[in-house]
Amino acid sequence: MNKEPLIQAGIDIDNVLQRLMGNETLMERFLKKFEQDTCYHDLLDAAKRQDIQQAMTASHTLKGVSANLSMTQLYDLTTKQVDLLRDNKAQEAFALIPQIQAVYETLVTTIRGE
């Protein structure tokens, strides 16, 4: 897997490899499983329905996944969103969806090698 596009997409490769004890094969396997996780789609569904509780659960899960895979931009956005949801600022939290979508789509496309 070519690391440079992953870095440009917002993945801190050195950090994720440190977390995985330098195992590039394991990193590649986890990155390829990223798209299969349903939390992103759950978040979009929750935002569409204005379901704050589901949005909190989905965003918090996506935050954890992005932290574990050192996806810094996605982590930062979901951290901000979770904080806003906790502060009962749902409209501001849902307003972050387009940014989250853009970062997520860039990550998925890059991981696929497209």
N, C-alpha and C. Protein backbone atom coordinates (compact mmCIF):
# COMPACT_ATOMS: atom_id res chain seq x y z
N MET A 1 0.86 -1.18 0.00
CA MET A 1 0.00 0.00 0.00
C MET A 1 0.90 1.23 0.00
N ASN A 2 0.61 2.14 -0.91
CA ASN A 2 1.40 3.36 -1.04
C ASN A 2 1.06 4.31 0.12
N LYS A 3 2.06 4.66 0.89
CA LYS A 3 1.83 5.47 2.09
C LYS A 3 1.56 6.95 1.79
N GLU A 4 2.20 7.49 0.77
CA GLU A 4 2.10 8.93 0.52
C GLU A 4 0.65 9.40 0.31
N PRO A 5 -0.16 8.73 -0.52
CA PRO A 5 -1.56 9.17 -0.64
C PRO A 5 -2.32 9.07 0.69
N LEU A 6 -2.00 8.08 1.50
CA LEU A 6 -2.66 7.94 2.80
C LEU A 6 -2.31 9.12 3.70
N ILE A 7 -1.06 9.52 3.67
CA ILE A 7 -0.62 10.67 4.46
C ILE A 7 -1.35 11.93 3.98
N GLN A 8 -1.43 12.10 2.66
CA GLN A 8 -2.11 13.28 2.09
C GLN A 8 -3.60 13.27 2.41
N ALA A 9 -4.17 12.08 2.61
CA ALA A 9 -5.60 11.98 2.94
C ALA A 9 -5.86 12.24 4.43
N GLY A 10 -4.80 12.42 5.21
CA GLY A 10 -4.99 12.76 6.61
C GLY A 10 -4.74 11.63 7.59
N ILE A 11 -4.00 10.61 7.18
CA ILE A 11 -3.68 9.50 8.07
C ILE A 11 -2.23 9.66 8.55
N ASP A 12 -2.06 9.67 9.84
CA ASP A 12 -0.72 9.75 10.43
C ASP A 12 -0.14 8.33 10.44
N ILE A 13 0.51 7.98 9.34
CA ILE A 13 1.02 6.62 9.14
C ILE A 13 1.98 6.21 10.24
N ASP A 14 2.90 7.08 10.61
CA ASP A 14 3.87 6.74 11.66
C ASP A 14 3.16 6.38 12.96
N ASN A 15 2.13 7.15 13.29
CA ASN A 15 1.39 6.91 14.53
C ASN A 15 0.64 5.59 14.49
N VAL A 16 -0.06 5.33 13.39
CA VAL A 16 -0.83 4.08 13.31
C VAL A 16 0.11 2.88 13.29
N LEU A 17 1.25 3.00 12.61
CA LEU A 17 2.20 1.89 12.61
C LEU A 17 2.81 1.67 14.00
N GLN A 18 3.04 2.74 14.72
CA GLN A 18 3.53 2.60 16.10
C GLN A 18 2.50 1.86 16.93
N ARG A 19 1.24 2.21 16.76
CA ARG A 19 0.15 1.57 17.49
C ARG A 19 0.06 0.09 17.15
N LEU A 20 0.41 -0.26 15.90
CA LEU A 20 0.32 -1.65 15.43
C LEU A 20 1.69 -2.33 15.42
N MET A 21 2.62 -1.82 16.21
CA MET A 21 3.97 -2.38 16.36
C MET A 21 4.67 -2.57 15.01
N GLY A 22 4.46 -1.61 14.11
CA GLY A 22 5.16 -1.61 12.83
C GLY A 22 4.63 -2.58 11.80
N ASN A 23 3.52 -3.23 12.08
CA ASN A 23 2.98 -4.25 11.19
C ASN A 23 2.17 -3.60 10.06
N GLU A 24 2.80 -3.42 8.90
CA GLU A 24 2.14 -2.78 7.76
C GLU A 24 0.99 -3.63 7.20
N THR A 25 1.14 -4.94 7.25
CA THR A 25 0.09 -5.83 6.77
C THR A 25 -1.17 -5.66 7.61
N LEU A 26 -0.99 -5.57 8.91
CA LEU A 26 -2.12 -5.37 9.81
C LEU A 26 -2.76 -3.99 9.58
N MET A 27 -1.92 -2.99 9.37
CA MET A 27 -2.43 -1.64 9.09
C MET A 27 -3.29 -1.68 7.82
N GLU A 28 -2.80 -2.31 6.79
CA GLU A 28 -3.53 -2.39 5.53
C GLU A 28 -4.87 -3.11 5.73
N ARG A 29 -4.85 -4.18 6.50
CA ARG A 29 -6.09 -4.93 6.75
C ARG A 29 -7.11 -4.06 7.49
N PHE A 30 -6.65 -3.33 8.53
CA PHE A 30 -7.57 -2.47 9.28
C PHE A 30 -8.09 -1.32 8.41
N LEU A 31 -7.23 -0.74 7.60
CA LEU A 31 -7.67 0.35 6.73
C LEU A 31 -8.72 -0.14 5.74
N LYS A 32 -8.53 -1.33 5.21
CA LYS A 32 -9.50 -1.86 4.25
C LYS A 32 -10.82 -2.22 4.92
N LYS A 33 -10.81 -2.52 6.21
CA LYS A 33 -12.04 -2.81 6.95
C LYS A 33 -12.77 -1.53 7.36
N PHE A 34 -12.09 -0.41 7.30
CA PHE A 34 -12.65 0.86 7.73
C PHE A 34 -14.00 1.14 7.07
N GLU A 35 -14.06 0.95 5.77
CA GLU A 35 -15.29 1.26 5.02
C GLU A 35 -16.45 0.34 5.40
N GLN A 36 -16.14 -0.83 5.92
CA GLN A 36 -17.19 -1.79 6.28
C GLN A 36 -17.87 -1.43 7.60
N ASP A 37 -17.25 -0.60 8.40
CA ASP A 37 -17.85 -0.17 9.66
C ASP A 37 -19.09 0.68 9.34
N THR A 38 -20.17 0.43 10.04
CA THR A 38 -21.44 1.10 9.72
C THR A 38 -21.62 2.45 10.41
N CYS A 39 -20.72 2.84 11.30
CA CYS A 39 -20.96 4.06 12.09
C CYS A 39 -21.10 5.31 11.22
N TYR A 40 -20.36 5.40 10.13
CA TYR A 40 -20.48 6.56 9.25
C TYR A 40 -21.89 6.65 8.66
N HIS A 41 -22.38 5.55 8.15
CA HIS A 41 -23.72 5.53 7.55
C HIS A 41 -24.80 5.72 8.62
N ASP A 42 -24.55 5.20 9.81
CA ASP A 42 -25.46 5.44 10.93
C ASP A 42 -25.53 6.93 11.27
N LEU A 43 -24.38 7.59 11.21
CA LEU A 43 -24.33 9.03 11.49
C LEU A 43 -25.13 9.80 10.45
N LEU A 44 -24.96 9.46 9.18
CA LEU A 44 -25.71 10.15 8.13
C LEU A 44 -27.21 9.94 8.30
N ASP A 45 -27.59 8.72 8.64
CA ASP A 45 -29.00 8.41 8.87
C ASP A 45 -29.53 9.21 10.06
N ALA A 46 -28.77 9.26 11.12
CA ALA A 46 -29.19 10.00 12.31
C ALA A 46 -29.34 11.49 12.01
N ALA A 47 -28.42 12.03 11.24
CA ALA A 47 -28.49 13.45 10.89
C ALA A 47 -29.73 13.73 10.04
N LYS A 48 -30.01 12.84 9.12
CA LYS A 48 -31.19 13.01 8.26
C LYS A 48 -32.47 13.02 9.09
N ARG A 49 -32.50 12.19 10.12
CA ARG A 49 -33.70 12.08 10.96
C ARG A 49 -33.63 13.01 12.18
N GLN A 50 -32.51 13.74 12.32
CA GLN A 50 -32.30 14.62 13.47
C GLN A 50 -32.37 13.84 14.79
N ASP A 51 -31.86 12.62 14.77
CA ASP A 51 -31.85 11.75 15.94
C ASP A 51 -30.55 11.98 16.71
N ILE A 52 -30.65 12.79 17.74
CA ILE A 52 -29.47 13.20 18.48
C ILE A 52 -28.78 12.03 19.17
N GLN A 53 -29.54 11.13 19.75
CA GLN A 53 -28.95 10.00 20.47
C GLN A 53 -28.19 9.07 19.51
N GLN A 54 -28.81 8.75 18.38
CA GLN A 54 -28.13 7.88 17.42
C GLN A 54 -26.90 8.60 16.85
N ALA A 55 -27.03 9.89 16.62
CA ALA A 55 -25.90 10.67 16.11
C ALA A 55 -24.74 10.64 17.10
N MET A 56 -25.06 10.78 18.38
CA MET A 56 -24.02 10.75 19.41
C MET A 56 -23.30 9.40 19.39
N THR A 57 -24.07 8.33 19.36
CA THR A 57 -23.48 6.98 19.36
C THR A 57 -22.62 6.78 18.12
N ALA A 58 -23.15 7.12 16.95
CA ALA A 58 -22.43 6.91 15.70
C ALA A 58 -21.18 7.78 15.61
N SER A 59 -21.31 9.04 15.98
CA SER A 59 -20.17 9.96 15.90
C SER A 59 -19.08 9.56 16.90
N HIS A 60 -19.50 9.16 18.07
CA HIS A 60 -18.53 8.73 19.09
C HIS A 60 -17.78 7.47 18.62
N THR A 61 -18.49 6.55 18.00
CA THR A 61 -17.86 5.34 17.48
C THR A 61 -16.90 5.69 16.35
N LEU A 62 -17.33 6.56 15.44
CA LEU A 62 -16.47 6.98 14.34
C LEU A 62 -15.24 7.71 14.86
N LYS A 63 -15.42 8.46 15.91
CA LYS A 63 -14.30 9.16 16.55
C LYS A 63 -13.28 8.12 17.05
N GLY A 64 -13.75 7.07 17.69
CA GLY A 64 -12.84 6.03 18.19
C GLY A 64 -12.13 5.29 17.08
N VAL A 65 -12.86 4.95 16.04
CA VAL A 65 -12.25 4.26 14.89
C VAL A 65 -11.20 5.14 14.25
N SER A 66 -11.53 6.41 14.05
CA SER A 66 -10.58 7.32 13.41
C SER A 66 -9.36 7.57 14.30
N ALA A 67 -9.55 7.55 15.61
CA ALA A 67 -8.41 7.70 16.52
C ALA A 67 -7.49 6.49 16.42
N ASN A 68 -8.08 5.31 16.42
CA ASN A 68 -7.28 4.08 16.34
C ASN A 68 -6.51 3.97 15.04
N LEU A 69 -7.06 4.51 13.96
CA LEU A 69 -6.39 4.45 12.66
C LEU A 69 -5.63 5.74 12.34
N SER A 70 -5.52 6.63 13.32
CA SER A 70 -4.78 7.89 13.19
C SER A 70 -5.25 8.73 12.00
N MET A 71 -6.55 8.77 11.82
CA MET A 71 -7.16 9.60 10.77
C MET A 71 -7.45 10.95 11.38
N THR A 72 -6.45 11.80 11.38
CA THR A 72 -6.46 13.01 12.19
C THR A 72 -7.60 13.98 11.86
N GLN A 73 -7.86 14.22 10.58
CA GLN A 73 -8.92 15.18 10.22
C GLN A 73 -10.28 14.65 10.65
N LEU A 74 -10.53 13.38 10.38
CA LEU A 74 -11.81 12.79 10.75
C LEU A 74 -11.97 12.76 12.26
N TYR A 75 -10.89 12.44 12.96
CA TYR A 75 -10.92 12.44 14.42
C TYR A 75 -11.26 13.83 14.96
N ASP A 76 -10.60 14.84 14.42
CA ASP A 76 -10.85 16.21 14.89
C ASP A 76 -12.30 16.63 14.67
N LEU A 77 -12.84 16.31 13.50
CA LEU A 77 -14.23 16.68 13.20
C LEU A 77 -15.22 15.93 14.08
N THR A 78 -15.01 14.65 14.27
CA THR A 78 -15.95 13.89 15.10
C THR A 78 -15.81 14.25 16.57
N THR A 79 -14.63 14.61 17.00
CA THR A 79 -14.44 15.08 18.38
C THR A 79 -15.25 16.35 18.59
N LYS A 80 -15.16 17.26 17.64
CA LYS A 80 -15.92 18.52 17.72
C LYS A 80 -17.41 18.22 17.71
N GLN A 81 -17.83 17.30 16.85
CA GLN A 81 -19.25 16.97 16.75
C GLN A 81 -19.77 16.35 18.05
N VAL A 82 -19.03 15.43 18.61
CA VAL A 82 -19.43 14.80 19.87
C VAL A 82 -19.55 15.85 20.97
N ASP A 83 -18.58 16.74 21.03
CA ASP A 83 -18.64 17.80 22.04
C ASP A 83 -19.88 18.68 21.87
N LEU A 84 -20.19 19.02 20.63
CA LEU A 84 -21.38 19.84 20.38
C LEU A 84 -22.66 19.09 20.76
N LEU A 85 -22.72 17.82 20.43
CA LEU A 85 -23.90 17.03 20.80
C LEU A 85 -24.04 16.95 22.31
N ARG A 86 -22.94 16.78 23.01
CA ARG A 86 -22.97 16.73 24.48
C ARG A 86 -23.44 18.06 25.07
N ASP A 87 -23.12 19.15 24.37
CA ASP A 87 -23.51 20.48 24.83
C ASP A 87 -24.89 20.89 24.33
N ASN A 88 -25.66 19.92 23.81
CA ASN A 88 -27.01 20.17 23.29
C ASN A 88 -27.02 21.21 22.17
N LYS A 89 -26.00 21.17 21.32
CA LYS A 89 -25.92 22.06 20.16
C LYS A 89 -26.04 21.21 18.90
N ALA A 90 -27.19 20.57 18.78
CA ALA A 90 -27.40 19.60 17.70
C ALA A 90 -27.28 20.24 16.31
N GLN A 91 -27.83 21.42 16.13
CA GLN A 91 -27.78 22.04 14.80
C GLN A 91 -26.34 22.29 14.37
N GLU A 92 -25.53 22.78 15.30
CA GLU A 92 -24.11 23.00 14.99
C GLU A 92 -23.41 21.68 14.71
N ALA A 93 -23.77 20.66 15.48
CA ALA A 93 -23.18 19.33 15.28
C ALA A 93 -23.54 18.76 13.92
N PHE A 94 -24.82 18.88 13.56
CA PHE A 94 -25.27 18.36 12.26
C PHE A 94 -24.69 19.18 11.11
N ALA A 95 -24.38 20.44 11.36
CA ALA A 95 -23.78 21.28 10.33
C ALA A 95 -22.38 20.81 9.93
N LEU A 96 -21.77 19.97 10.75
CA LEU A 96 -20.44 19.43 10.43
C LEU A 96 -20.51 18.24 9.46
N ILE A 97 -21.70 17.74 9.19
CA ILE A 97 -21.86 16.55 8.35
C ILE A 97 -21.18 16.72 6.98
N PRO A 98 -21.37 17.82 6.25
CA PRO A 98 -20.70 17.93 4.95
C PRO A 98 -19.17 17.82 5.02
N GLN A 99 -18.58 18.39 6.07
CA GLN A 99 -17.13 18.28 6.23
C GLN A 99 -16.73 16.84 6.54
N ILE A 100 -17.50 16.20 7.40
CA ILE A 100 -17.23 14.80 7.75
C ILE A 100 -17.36 13.93 6.50
N GLN A 101 -18.39 14.18 5.70
CA GLN A 101 -18.58 13.41 4.47
C GLN A 101 -17.39 13.58 3.54
N ALA A 102 -16.93 14.79 3.36
CA ALA A 102 -15.81 15.05 2.44
C ALA A 102 -14.55 14.32 2.89
N VAL A 103 -14.25 14.41 4.16
CA VAL A 103 -13.05 13.75 4.69
C VAL A 103 -13.20 12.24 4.60
N TYR A 104 -14.36 11.73 4.97
CA TYR A 104 -14.61 10.29 4.92
C TYR A 104 -14.46 9.76 3.49
N GLU A 105 -15.09 10.44 2.54
CA GLU A 105 -15.02 10.00 1.14
C GLU A 105 -13.58 10.04 0.61
N THR A 106 -12.82 11.05 0.99
CA THR A 106 -11.41 11.12 0.59
C THR A 106 -10.64 9.94 1.15
N LEU A 107 -10.89 9.62 2.42
CA LEU A 107 -10.21 8.49 3.04
C LEU A 107 -10.55 7.18 2.34
N VAL A 108 -11.82 6.95 2.11
CA VAL A 108 -12.27 5.70 1.49
C VAL A 108 -11.67 5.57 0.08
N THR A 109 -11.77 6.64 -0.69
CA THR A 109 -11.23 6.62 -2.06
C THR A 109 -9.74 6.35 -2.05
N THR A 110 -9.04 6.96 -1.14
CA THR A 110 -7.59 6.78 -1.05
C THR A 110 -7.24 5.37 -0.63
N ILE A 111 -7.93 4.86 0.36
CA ILE A 111 -7.68 3.49 0.83
C ILE A 111 -7.94 2.49 -0.28
N ARG A 112 -8.96 2.72 -1.07
CA ARG A 112 -9.27 1.83 -2.20
C ARG A 112 -8.21 1.93 -3.31
N GLY A 113 -7.44 3.02 -3.28
CA GLY A 113 -6.42 3.22 -4.30
C GLY A 113 -6.96 3.84 -5.57
N GLU A 114 -8.07 4.54 -5.44
CA GLU A 114 -8.72 5.17 -6.61
C GLU A 114 -8.16 6.55 -6.88
